[in-house]
Amino acid sequence: MVVDAIQYRHVHGMGLNPQMLQSEDASLLAAGRRYFGSWPKALKAAKVPPVRRLSSRRHQRGYWNRELLIGEIRRHADLGHPLYAHAMQALDNCLVSAATYHFGSWAQALTAAGFDAETIRANRRHSPETVVEEIQELMNEQGEVTDVVIRRHYRALYWAARKYFGSWRNAVSAARQPKQRAGVL
């Protein structure tokens, strides 16, 4: 099944680098490593050429300047992306890294782009209901929501789920339960 999944992704032009798979299909990456010892060995077993990291022209050294960074931060805001640092690292880590280099911190880059960094940084308060809602949204967007991916990209949600439900698995189970209607058992 692992070989078939790798070949399917390869034939359909889907990414096979570990970084992309970690967010798109972490279970395939884990299975490939588990059954073949490493991801490159899984690719070899599937007769798929090894993944080579290509340097991105867009992010070559010297590409970023303050104006480009401010424009890119505003573009993300216009698209409705959350601008707090952890979410942006998952979305566009190169942007966060370059902004930190040019402005001294992500918060200072947000301020330069005209945003209130303190408001954006403020930790969101979770409740059992908001945890369930966020998990349901992620399941609708991504399908499988493994604890490995959530721990890496949605750390606050992961810890809130553990706080209110005891474990990530219990929280996902609660999110999969049909909503109870008021007054109906």
N, C-alpha and C. Protein backbone atom coordinates (compact mmCIF):
# COMPACT_ATOMS: atom_id res chain seq x y z
N MET A 1 0.83 -1.20 0.00
CA MET A 1 0.00 0.00 0.00
C MET A 1 0.87 1.27 0.00
N VAL A 2 1.99 1.22 0.74
CA VAL A 2 2.88 2.38 0.80
C VAL A 2 3.47 2.65 -0.58
N VAL A 3 3.95 1.61 -1.24
CA VAL A 3 4.54 1.75 -2.58
C VAL A 3 3.49 2.29 -3.54
N ASP A 4 2.28 1.78 -3.49
CA ASP A 4 1.21 2.26 -4.37
C ASP A 4 0.91 3.74 -4.13
N ALA A 5 0.87 4.14 -2.86
CA ALA A 5 0.58 5.54 -2.53
C ALA A 5 1.70 6.46 -3.02
N ILE A 6 2.94 6.01 -2.88
CA ILE A 6 4.07 6.82 -3.36
C ILE A 6 4.00 6.96 -4.88
N GLN A 7 3.76 5.84 -5.57
CA GLN A 7 3.69 5.88 -7.03
C GLN A 7 2.52 6.75 -7.50
N TYR A 8 1.40 6.68 -6.81
CA TYR A 8 0.24 7.51 -7.15
C TYR A 8 0.62 8.99 -7.05
N ARG A 9 1.23 9.37 -5.94
CA ARG A 9 1.62 10.77 -5.76
C ARG A 9 2.62 11.19 -6.85
N HIS A 10 3.56 10.31 -7.17
CA HIS A 10 4.57 10.63 -8.17
C HIS A 10 3.92 10.82 -9.55
N VAL A 11 3.08 9.88 -9.96
CA VAL A 11 2.43 9.93 -11.27
C VAL A 11 1.55 11.17 -11.40
N HIS A 12 0.91 11.57 -10.31
CA HIS A 12 0.00 12.72 -10.34
C HIS A 12 0.68 14.04 -9.99
N GLY A 13 2.00 14.04 -9.93
CA GLY A 13 2.75 15.27 -9.71
C GLY A 13 2.61 15.85 -8.31
N MET A 14 2.23 15.01 -7.38
CA MET A 14 2.10 15.48 -6.00
C MET A 14 3.46 15.39 -5.32
N GLY A 15 3.71 16.30 -4.41
CA GLY A 15 5.00 16.37 -3.75
C GLY A 15 5.32 15.12 -2.94
N LEU A 16 6.60 14.79 -2.91
CA LEU A 16 7.05 13.64 -2.14
C LEU A 16 8.17 14.00 -1.16
N ASN A 17 8.43 15.30 -1.00
CA ASN A 17 9.47 15.63 -0.02
C ASN A 17 8.90 15.51 1.39
N PRO A 18 9.73 15.11 2.33
CA PRO A 18 9.24 14.87 3.69
C PRO A 18 8.55 16.07 4.34
N GLN A 19 9.03 17.27 4.07
CA GLN A 19 8.42 18.45 4.67
C GLN A 19 6.98 18.63 4.20
N MET A 20 6.74 18.42 2.92
CA MET A 20 5.40 18.56 2.38
C MET A 20 4.51 17.43 2.90
N LEU A 21 5.04 16.23 2.90
CA LEU A 21 4.26 15.09 3.37
C LEU A 21 3.90 15.21 4.84
N GLN A 22 4.76 15.82 5.63
CA GLN A 22 4.47 15.97 7.05
C GLN A 22 3.16 16.71 7.27
N SER A 23 2.86 17.66 6.40
CA SER A 23 1.61 18.40 6.55
C SER A 23 0.48 17.81 5.70
N GLU A 24 0.79 17.19 4.57
CA GLU A 24 -0.25 16.69 3.68
C GLU A 24 -0.66 15.24 3.97
N ASP A 25 0.32 14.40 4.27
CA ASP A 25 0.02 12.98 4.48
C ASP A 25 1.08 12.38 5.40
N ALA A 26 1.04 12.79 6.67
CA ALA A 26 2.03 12.34 7.64
C ALA A 26 2.00 10.83 7.83
N SER A 27 0.84 10.21 7.66
CA SER A 27 0.76 8.76 7.84
C SER A 27 1.53 8.02 6.75
N LEU A 28 1.53 8.53 5.52
CA LEU A 28 2.31 7.91 4.45
C LEU A 28 3.80 8.03 4.75
N LEU A 29 4.22 9.21 5.16
CA LEU A 29 5.63 9.43 5.50
C LEU A 29 6.05 8.48 6.63
N ALA A 30 5.24 8.39 7.67
CA ALA A 30 5.57 7.52 8.81
C ALA A 30 5.61 6.06 8.39
N ALA A 31 4.65 5.64 7.57
CA ALA A 31 4.61 4.25 7.12
C ALA A 31 5.82 3.93 6.24
N GLY A 32 6.18 4.85 5.37
CA GLY A 32 7.35 4.64 4.52
C GLY A 32 8.62 4.47 5.34
N ARG A 33 8.77 5.30 6.34
CA ARG A 33 9.95 5.19 7.21
C ARG A 33 9.90 3.91 8.03
N ARG A 34 8.71 3.56 8.52
CA ARG A 34 8.57 2.37 9.37
C ARG A 34 8.87 1.09 8.58
N TYR A 35 8.28 0.94 7.40
CA TYR A 35 8.41 -0.31 6.65
C TYR A 35 9.72 -0.43 5.86
N PHE A 36 10.32 0.71 5.51
CA PHE A 36 11.51 0.65 4.68
C PHE A 36 12.77 1.18 5.37
N GLY A 37 12.61 1.72 6.57
CA GLY A 37 13.77 2.20 7.33
C GLY A 37 14.08 3.66 7.15
N SER A 38 13.71 4.24 6.04
CA SER A 38 13.89 5.67 5.80
C SER A 38 13.01 6.06 4.62
N TRP A 39 12.76 7.35 4.47
CA TRP A 39 11.94 7.81 3.36
C TRP A 39 12.64 7.59 2.01
N PRO A 40 13.95 7.89 1.90
CA PRO A 40 14.62 7.61 0.61
C PRO A 40 14.55 6.13 0.21
N LYS A 41 14.62 5.22 1.20
CA LYS A 41 14.51 3.80 0.88
C LYS A 41 13.09 3.45 0.43
N ALA A 42 12.09 4.11 0.99
CA ALA A 42 10.71 3.88 0.55
C ALA A 42 10.53 4.35 -0.89
N LEU A 43 11.12 5.49 -1.24
CA LEU A 43 11.06 5.99 -2.62
C LEU A 43 11.75 5.02 -3.58
N LYS A 44 12.89 4.49 -3.14
CA LYS A 44 13.63 3.54 -3.97
C LYS A 44 12.80 2.27 -4.20
N ALA A 45 12.12 1.79 -3.15
CA ALA A 45 11.28 0.59 -3.27
C ALA A 45 10.13 0.84 -4.25
N ALA A 46 9.66 2.07 -4.31
CA ALA A 46 8.57 2.42 -5.21
C ALA A 46 9.08 2.78 -6.62
N LYS A 47 10.40 2.71 -6.80
CA LYS A 47 11.03 3.05 -8.08
C LYS A 47 10.72 4.50 -8.49
N VAL A 48 10.79 5.37 -7.49
CA VAL A 48 10.57 6.80 -7.70
C VAL A 48 11.91 7.49 -7.44
N PRO A 49 12.30 8.43 -8.30
CA PRO A 49 13.59 9.11 -8.10
C PRO A 49 13.63 9.80 -6.73
N PRO A 50 14.81 9.83 -6.12
CA PRO A 50 14.91 10.48 -4.81
C PRO A 50 14.56 11.97 -4.91
N VAL A 51 14.04 12.49 -3.84
CA VAL A 51 13.64 13.89 -3.80
C VAL A 51 14.89 14.74 -3.59
N ARG A 52 15.05 15.71 -4.43
CA ARG A 52 16.18 16.64 -4.30
C ARG A 52 15.62 17.99 -3.89
N ARG A 53 16.26 18.59 -2.92
CA ARG A 53 15.83 19.94 -2.52
C ARG A 53 16.37 20.92 -3.53
N LEU A 54 15.48 21.65 -4.12
CA LEU A 54 15.88 22.68 -5.07
C LEU A 54 15.78 24.03 -4.39
N SER A 55 16.79 24.84 -4.60
CA SER A 55 16.72 26.15 -3.98
C SER A 55 15.67 26.98 -4.72
N SER A 56 14.86 27.64 -3.97
CA SER A 56 13.79 28.45 -4.54
C SER A 56 14.35 29.79 -4.99
N ARG A 57 14.08 30.15 -6.21
CA ARG A 57 14.55 31.45 -6.70
C ARG A 57 13.94 32.57 -5.87
N ARG A 58 12.73 32.36 -5.45
CA ARG A 58 12.03 33.40 -4.72
C ARG A 58 12.69 33.71 -3.38
N HIS A 59 13.31 32.69 -2.79
CA HIS A 59 13.86 32.88 -1.46
C HIS A 59 15.38 32.80 -1.41
N GLN A 60 16.03 33.11 -2.52
CA GLN A 60 17.48 33.12 -2.49
C GLN A 60 17.97 34.25 -1.60
N ARG A 61 19.14 34.04 -1.06
CA ARG A 61 19.75 35.06 -0.21
C ARG A 61 19.73 36.41 -0.93
N GLY A 62 19.29 37.43 -0.22
CA GLY A 62 19.25 38.76 -0.79
C GLY A 62 17.93 39.11 -1.46
N TYR A 63 17.01 38.15 -1.56
CA TYR A 63 15.73 38.43 -2.20
C TYR A 63 14.89 39.40 -1.39
N TRP A 64 14.79 39.12 -0.09
CA TRP A 64 13.89 39.89 0.76
C TRP A 64 14.47 41.26 1.11
N ASN A 65 13.58 42.22 1.17
CA ASN A 65 13.90 43.52 1.75
C ASN A 65 12.68 43.94 2.57
N ARG A 66 12.78 45.02 3.28
CA ARG A 66 11.70 45.42 4.18
C ARG A 66 10.38 45.65 3.44
N GLU A 67 10.44 46.28 2.28
CA GLU A 67 9.21 46.56 1.53
C GLU A 67 8.52 45.28 1.06
N LEU A 68 9.30 44.35 0.54
CA LEU A 68 8.71 43.07 0.11
C LEU A 68 8.10 42.31 1.28
N LEU A 69 8.78 42.34 2.41
CA LEU A 69 8.27 41.65 3.60
C LEU A 69 6.95 42.25 4.07
N ILE A 70 6.90 43.57 4.12
CA ILE A 70 5.66 44.25 4.54
C ILE A 70 4.52 43.90 3.58
N GLY A 71 4.82 43.93 2.29
CA GLY A 71 3.80 43.58 1.30
C GLY A 71 3.31 42.15 1.44
N GLU A 72 4.22 41.23 1.72
CA GLU A 72 3.83 39.82 1.87
C GLU A 72 3.02 39.61 3.15
N ILE A 73 3.37 40.29 4.21
CA ILE A 73 2.59 40.18 5.45
C ILE A 73 1.18 40.70 5.21
N ARG A 74 1.07 41.83 4.54
CA ARG A 74 -0.26 42.39 4.24
C ARG A 74 -1.06 41.47 3.31
N ARG A 75 -0.37 40.83 2.36
CA ARG A 75 -1.05 39.90 1.46
C ARG A 75 -1.65 38.74 2.25
N HIS A 76 -0.88 38.21 3.19
CA HIS A 76 -1.39 37.12 4.04
C HIS A 76 -2.60 37.59 4.84
N ALA A 77 -2.54 38.81 5.34
CA ALA A 77 -3.67 39.36 6.10
C ALA A 77 -4.90 39.49 5.20
N ASP A 78 -4.70 39.98 3.97
CA ASP A 78 -5.81 40.13 3.03
C ASP A 78 -6.44 38.78 2.68
N LEU A 79 -5.62 37.73 2.69
CA LEU A 79 -6.14 36.39 2.41
C LEU A 79 -6.83 35.76 3.62
N GLY A 80 -6.77 36.46 4.74
CA GLY A 80 -7.44 35.97 5.95
C GLY A 80 -6.61 34.99 6.75
N HIS A 81 -5.32 34.91 6.47
CA HIS A 81 -4.47 33.98 7.22
C HIS A 81 -4.22 34.54 8.63
N PRO A 82 -4.15 33.67 9.63
CA PRO A 82 -3.81 34.14 10.97
C PRO A 82 -2.37 34.62 10.98
N LEU A 83 -2.11 35.74 11.59
CA LEU A 83 -0.78 36.33 11.53
C LEU A 83 0.07 36.04 12.77
N TYR A 84 -0.45 35.28 13.73
CA TYR A 84 0.40 35.00 14.88
C TYR A 84 1.54 34.09 14.43
N ALA A 85 2.67 34.22 15.11
CA ALA A 85 3.93 33.63 14.64
C ALA A 85 3.84 32.14 14.35
N HIS A 86 3.24 31.38 15.24
CA HIS A 86 3.24 29.94 15.05
C HIS A 86 2.45 29.53 13.80
N ALA A 87 1.33 30.17 13.57
CA ALA A 87 0.54 29.86 12.38
C ALA A 87 1.30 30.26 11.11
N MET A 88 1.96 31.41 11.15
CA MET A 88 2.71 31.85 9.98
C MET A 88 3.93 30.97 9.72
N GLN A 89 4.55 30.45 10.77
CA GLN A 89 5.68 29.54 10.56
C GLN A 89 5.22 28.30 9.82
N ALA A 90 4.05 27.80 10.15
CA ALA A 90 3.53 26.63 9.46
C ALA A 90 3.15 26.95 8.02
N LEU A 91 2.69 28.17 7.79
CA LEU A 91 2.22 28.59 6.47
C LEU A 91 3.35 29.05 5.56
N ASP A 92 4.25 29.87 6.10
CA ASP A 92 5.32 30.46 5.29
C ASP A 92 6.52 30.77 6.18
N ASN A 93 7.25 29.72 6.53
CA ASN A 93 8.37 29.87 7.45
C ASN A 93 9.46 30.78 6.91
N CYS A 94 9.65 30.78 5.58
CA CYS A 94 10.67 31.66 4.99
C CYS A 94 10.35 33.12 5.25
N LEU A 95 9.08 33.46 5.17
CA LEU A 95 8.67 34.83 5.44
C LEU A 95 8.98 35.21 6.88
N VAL A 96 8.62 34.36 7.83
CA VAL A 96 8.86 34.65 9.24
C VAL A 96 10.35 34.78 9.50
N SER A 97 11.13 33.88 8.94
CA SER A 97 12.58 33.91 9.13
C SER A 97 13.18 35.20 8.57
N ALA A 98 12.79 35.56 7.36
CA ALA A 98 13.32 36.78 6.75
C ALA A 98 12.86 38.02 7.51
N ALA A 99 11.63 38.03 7.95
CA ALA A 99 11.11 39.18 8.71
C ALA A 99 11.86 39.33 10.03
N THR A 100 12.14 38.22 10.68
CA THR A 100 12.89 38.26 11.93
C THR A 100 14.29 38.80 11.68
N TYR A 101 14.89 38.40 10.59
CA TYR A 101 16.23 38.88 10.24
C TYR A 101 16.21 40.39 9.98
N HIS A 102 15.27 40.85 9.17
CA HIS A 102 15.24 42.25 8.76
C HIS A 102 14.68 43.21 9.81
N PHE A 103 13.77 42.72 10.65
CA PHE A 103 13.12 43.61 11.61
C PHE A 103 13.51 43.33 13.06
N GLY A 104 14.18 42.22 13.31
CA GLY A 104 14.58 41.88 14.67
C GLY A 104 13.65 40.89 15.34
N SER A 105 12.39 40.89 14.95
CA SER A 105 11.42 39.93 15.48
C SER A 105 10.19 39.94 14.58
N TRP A 106 9.39 38.90 14.69
CA TRP A 106 8.14 38.84 13.94
C TRP A 106 7.21 39.94 14.40
N ALA A 107 7.18 40.22 15.69
CA ALA A 107 6.31 41.27 16.23
C ALA A 107 6.68 42.63 15.64
N GLN A 108 7.96 42.90 15.53
CA GLN A 108 8.38 44.19 14.95
C GLN A 108 8.03 44.26 13.47
N ALA A 109 8.08 43.13 12.77
CA ALA A 109 7.69 43.12 11.36
C ALA A 109 6.19 43.39 11.23
N LEU A 110 5.38 42.79 12.11
CA LEU A 110 3.94 43.05 12.09
C LEU A 110 3.66 44.53 12.34
N THR A 111 4.35 45.11 13.30
CA THR A 111 4.17 46.53 13.62
C THR A 111 4.53 47.39 12.41
N ALA A 112 5.64 47.06 11.75
CA ALA A 112 6.05 47.81 10.56
C ALA A 112 5.02 47.70 9.44
N ALA A 113 4.31 46.58 9.39
CA ALA A 113 3.28 46.37 8.37
C ALA A 113 1.95 47.01 8.77
N GLY A 114 1.89 47.64 9.95
CA GLY A 114 0.69 48.35 10.37
C GLY A 114 -0.27 47.55 11.23
N PHE A 115 0.20 46.45 11.81
CA PHE A 115 -0.66 45.62 12.65
C PHE A 115 -0.27 45.76 14.11
N ASP A 116 -1.22 45.51 14.99
CA ASP A 116 -0.96 45.53 16.42
C ASP A 116 -0.48 44.14 16.83
N ALA A 117 0.83 44.02 17.00
CA ALA A 117 1.44 42.72 17.29
C ALA A 117 0.93 42.13 18.60
N GLU A 118 0.66 42.97 19.58
CA GLU A 118 0.19 42.47 20.88
C GLU A 118 -1.18 41.81 20.74
N THR A 119 -2.05 42.42 19.96
CA THR A 119 -3.39 41.85 19.75
C THR A 119 -3.29 40.53 19.01
N ILE A 120 -2.44 40.49 18.01
CA ILE A 120 -2.26 39.27 17.22
C ILE A 120 -1.63 38.17 18.06
N ARG A 121 -0.69 38.55 18.90
CA ARG A 121 0.04 37.58 19.71
C ARG A 121 -0.82 37.00 20.82
N ALA A 122 -1.82 37.72 21.25
CA ALA A 122 -2.62 37.29 22.40
C ALA A 122 -3.07 35.84 22.22
N ASN A 123 -2.81 35.06 23.23
CA ASN A 123 -3.22 33.66 23.18
C ASN A 123 -4.73 33.56 23.12
N ARG A 124 -5.19 32.71 22.25
CA ARG A 124 -6.62 32.48 22.15
C ARG A 124 -7.04 31.61 23.32
N ARG A 125 -8.17 31.91 23.87
CA ARG A 125 -8.70 31.11 24.97
C ARG A 125 -9.53 29.98 24.40
N HIS A 126 -9.21 28.80 24.81
CA HIS A 126 -9.96 27.64 24.35
C HIS A 126 -10.94 27.18 25.41
N SER A 127 -11.97 26.53 24.95
CA SER A 127 -12.94 25.85 25.79
C SER A 127 -13.16 24.50 25.13
N PRO A 128 -13.82 23.58 25.80
CA PRO A 128 -14.09 22.30 25.12
C PRO A 128 -14.81 22.49 23.79
N GLU A 129 -15.72 23.45 23.75
CA GLU A 129 -16.48 23.69 22.52
C GLU A 129 -15.59 24.22 21.40
N THR A 130 -14.69 25.17 21.72
CA THR A 130 -13.83 25.72 20.66
C THR A 130 -12.83 24.68 20.18
N VAL A 131 -12.38 23.81 21.09
CA VAL A 131 -11.47 22.74 20.68
C VAL A 131 -12.17 21.84 19.67
N VAL A 132 -13.38 21.42 19.98
CA VAL A 132 -14.14 20.55 19.08
C VAL A 132 -14.38 21.24 17.74
N GLU A 133 -14.75 22.52 17.78
CA GLU A 133 -15.00 23.26 16.53
C GLU A 133 -13.75 23.35 15.67
N GLU A 134 -12.60 23.65 16.29
CA GLU A 134 -11.37 23.76 15.52
C GLU A 134 -10.96 22.41 14.93
N ILE A 135 -11.14 21.34 15.70
CA ILE A 135 -10.80 20.02 15.17
C ILE A 135 -11.71 19.68 14.00
N GLN A 136 -13.00 19.99 14.11
CA GLN A 136 -13.93 19.72 13.02
C GLN A 136 -13.54 20.51 11.77
N GLU A 137 -13.13 21.77 11.94
CA GLU A 137 -12.69 22.57 10.80
C GLU A 137 -11.47 21.94 10.14
N LEU A 138 -10.51 21.51 10.96
CA LEU A 138 -9.30 20.89 10.41
C LEU A 138 -9.63 19.58 9.70
N MET A 139 -10.55 18.79 10.26
CA MET A 139 -10.94 17.54 9.61
C MET A 139 -11.61 17.83 8.27
N ASN A 140 -12.42 18.89 8.19
CA ASN A 140 -13.06 19.25 6.93
C ASN A 140 -12.03 19.70 5.90
N GLU A 141 -10.99 20.41 6.36
CA GLU A 141 -9.97 20.92 5.45
C GLU A 141 -8.95 19.86 5.05
N GLN A 142 -8.49 19.09 6.04
CA GLN A 142 -7.35 18.21 5.83
C GLN A 142 -7.67 16.72 5.88
N GLY A 143 -8.84 16.37 6.34
CA GLY A 143 -9.16 14.95 6.50
C GLY A 143 -8.60 14.43 7.80
N GLU A 144 -7.55 13.63 7.72
CA GLU A 144 -6.94 13.04 8.91
C GLU A 144 -6.19 14.12 9.70
N VAL A 145 -6.38 14.13 10.99
CA VAL A 145 -5.70 15.11 11.85
C VAL A 145 -4.89 14.34 12.91
N THR A 146 -3.68 13.95 12.53
CA THR A 146 -2.84 13.17 13.43
C THR A 146 -2.23 14.06 14.49
N ASP A 147 -1.96 13.46 15.64
CA ASP A 147 -1.39 14.24 16.73
C ASP A 147 -0.01 14.79 16.38
N VAL A 148 0.75 14.09 15.54
CA VAL A 148 2.08 14.56 15.16
C VAL A 148 1.97 15.89 14.42
N VAL A 149 1.08 15.95 13.45
CA VAL A 149 0.91 17.17 12.66
C VAL A 149 0.35 18.29 13.53
N ILE A 150 -0.64 17.97 14.35
CA ILE A 150 -1.26 18.99 15.19
C ILE A 150 -0.26 19.53 16.21
N ARG A 151 0.51 18.67 16.82
CA ARG A 151 1.52 19.13 17.79
C ARG A 151 2.49 20.09 17.14
N ARG A 152 2.84 19.84 15.89
CA ARG A 152 3.83 20.68 15.22
C ARG A 152 3.22 22.01 14.74
N HIS A 153 2.01 21.96 14.17
CA HIS A 153 1.48 23.15 13.52
C HIS A 153 0.36 23.86 14.27
N TYR A 154 -0.23 23.19 15.23
CA TYR A 154 -1.34 23.78 16.00
C TYR A 154 -1.15 23.48 17.48
N ARG A 155 -0.02 23.93 17.99
CA ARG A 155 0.39 23.57 19.35
C ARG A 155 -0.64 23.96 20.41
N ALA A 156 -1.19 25.16 20.33
CA ALA A 156 -2.16 25.61 21.33
C ALA A 156 -3.41 24.73 21.31
N LEU A 157 -3.87 24.37 20.13
CA LEU A 157 -5.03 23.49 20.01
C LEU A 157 -4.72 22.12 20.61
N TYR A 158 -3.55 21.60 20.32
CA TYR A 158 -3.16 20.29 20.84
C TYR A 158 -3.20 20.26 22.37
N TRP A 159 -2.59 21.28 22.99
CA TRP A 159 -2.53 21.29 24.46
C TRP A 159 -3.89 21.57 25.07
N ALA A 160 -4.70 22.37 24.41
CA ALA A 160 -6.06 22.60 24.90
C ALA A 160 -6.87 21.31 24.82
N ALA A 161 -6.68 20.55 23.76
CA ALA A 161 -7.39 19.27 23.61
C ALA A 161 -6.98 18.32 24.74
N ARG A 162 -5.71 18.28 25.04
CA ARG A 162 -5.25 17.41 26.14
C ARG A 162 -5.79 17.89 27.47
N LYS A 163 -5.86 19.20 27.64
CA LYS A 163 -6.37 19.76 28.91
C LYS A 163 -7.83 19.37 29.13
N TYR A 164 -8.65 19.56 28.11
CA TYR A 164 -10.09 19.35 28.27
C TYR A 164 -10.54 17.90 28.04
N PHE A 165 -9.78 17.14 27.24
CA PHE A 165 -10.24 15.79 26.89
C PHE A 165 -9.29 14.68 27.34
N GLY A 166 -8.16 15.05 27.92
CA GLY A 166 -7.22 14.05 28.41
C GLY A 166 -6.21 13.58 27.39
N SER A 167 -6.58 13.60 26.12
CA SER A 167 -5.65 13.20 25.06
C SER A 167 -6.16 13.76 23.73
N TRP A 168 -5.28 13.79 22.75
CA TRP A 168 -5.67 14.25 21.42
C TRP A 168 -6.71 13.29 20.83
N ARG A 169 -6.50 11.99 21.02
CA ARG A 169 -7.43 10.98 20.49
C ARG A 169 -8.84 11.18 21.04
N ASN A 170 -8.95 11.45 22.35
CA ASN A 170 -10.27 11.67 22.95
C ASN A 170 -10.94 12.92 22.36
N ALA A 171 -10.14 13.96 22.13
CA ALA A 171 -10.69 15.19 21.56
C ALA A 171 -11.20 14.96 20.14
N VAL A 172 -10.46 14.20 19.35
CA VAL A 172 -10.89 13.89 17.99
C VAL A 172 -12.16 13.06 18.03
N SER A 173 -12.23 12.12 18.95
CA SER A 173 -13.46 11.32 19.10
C SER A 173 -14.65 12.20 19.42
N ALA A 174 -14.45 13.18 20.31
CA ALA A 174 -15.53 14.10 20.66
C ALA A 174 -15.94 14.93 19.45
N ALA A 175 -14.97 15.31 18.62
CA ALA A 175 -15.27 16.12 17.44
C ALA A 175 -16.02 15.31 16.39
N ARG A 176 -15.83 14.01 16.39
CA ARG A 176 -16.52 13.15 15.43
C ARG A 176 -17.95 12.81 15.84
N GLN A 177 -18.29 13.07 17.10
CA GLN A 177 -19.62 12.77 17.59
C GLN A 177 -20.62 13.75 16.97
N PRO A 178 -21.78 13.29 16.58
CA PRO A 178 -22.79 14.22 16.06
C PRO A 178 -23.21 15.18 17.16
N LYS A 179 -23.49 16.42 16.74
CA LYS A 179 -23.91 17.43 17.71
C LYS A 179 -25.26 17.03 18.32
N GLN A 180 -25.35 17.20 19.61
CA GLN A 180 -26.59 16.90 20.32
C GLN A 180 -27.51 18.11 20.22
N ARG A 181 -28.76 17.87 19.90
CA ARG A 181 -29.72 18.97 19.86
C ARG A 181 -30.24 19.24 21.24
N ALA A 182 -30.50 20.51 21.51
CA ALA A 182 -30.99 20.90 22.83
C ALA A 182 -32.29 20.16 23.13
N GLY A 183 -32.37 19.57 24.31
CA GLY A 183 -33.57 18.89 24.73
C GLY A 183 -33.72 17.48 24.21
N VAL A 184 -32.79 17.05 23.33
CA VAL A 184 -32.89 15.71 22.76
C VAL A 184 -31.77 14.87 23.35
N LEU A 185 -32.09 13.68 23.85
CA LEU A 185 -31.06 12.81 24.41
C LEU A 185 -30.47 11.91 23.36
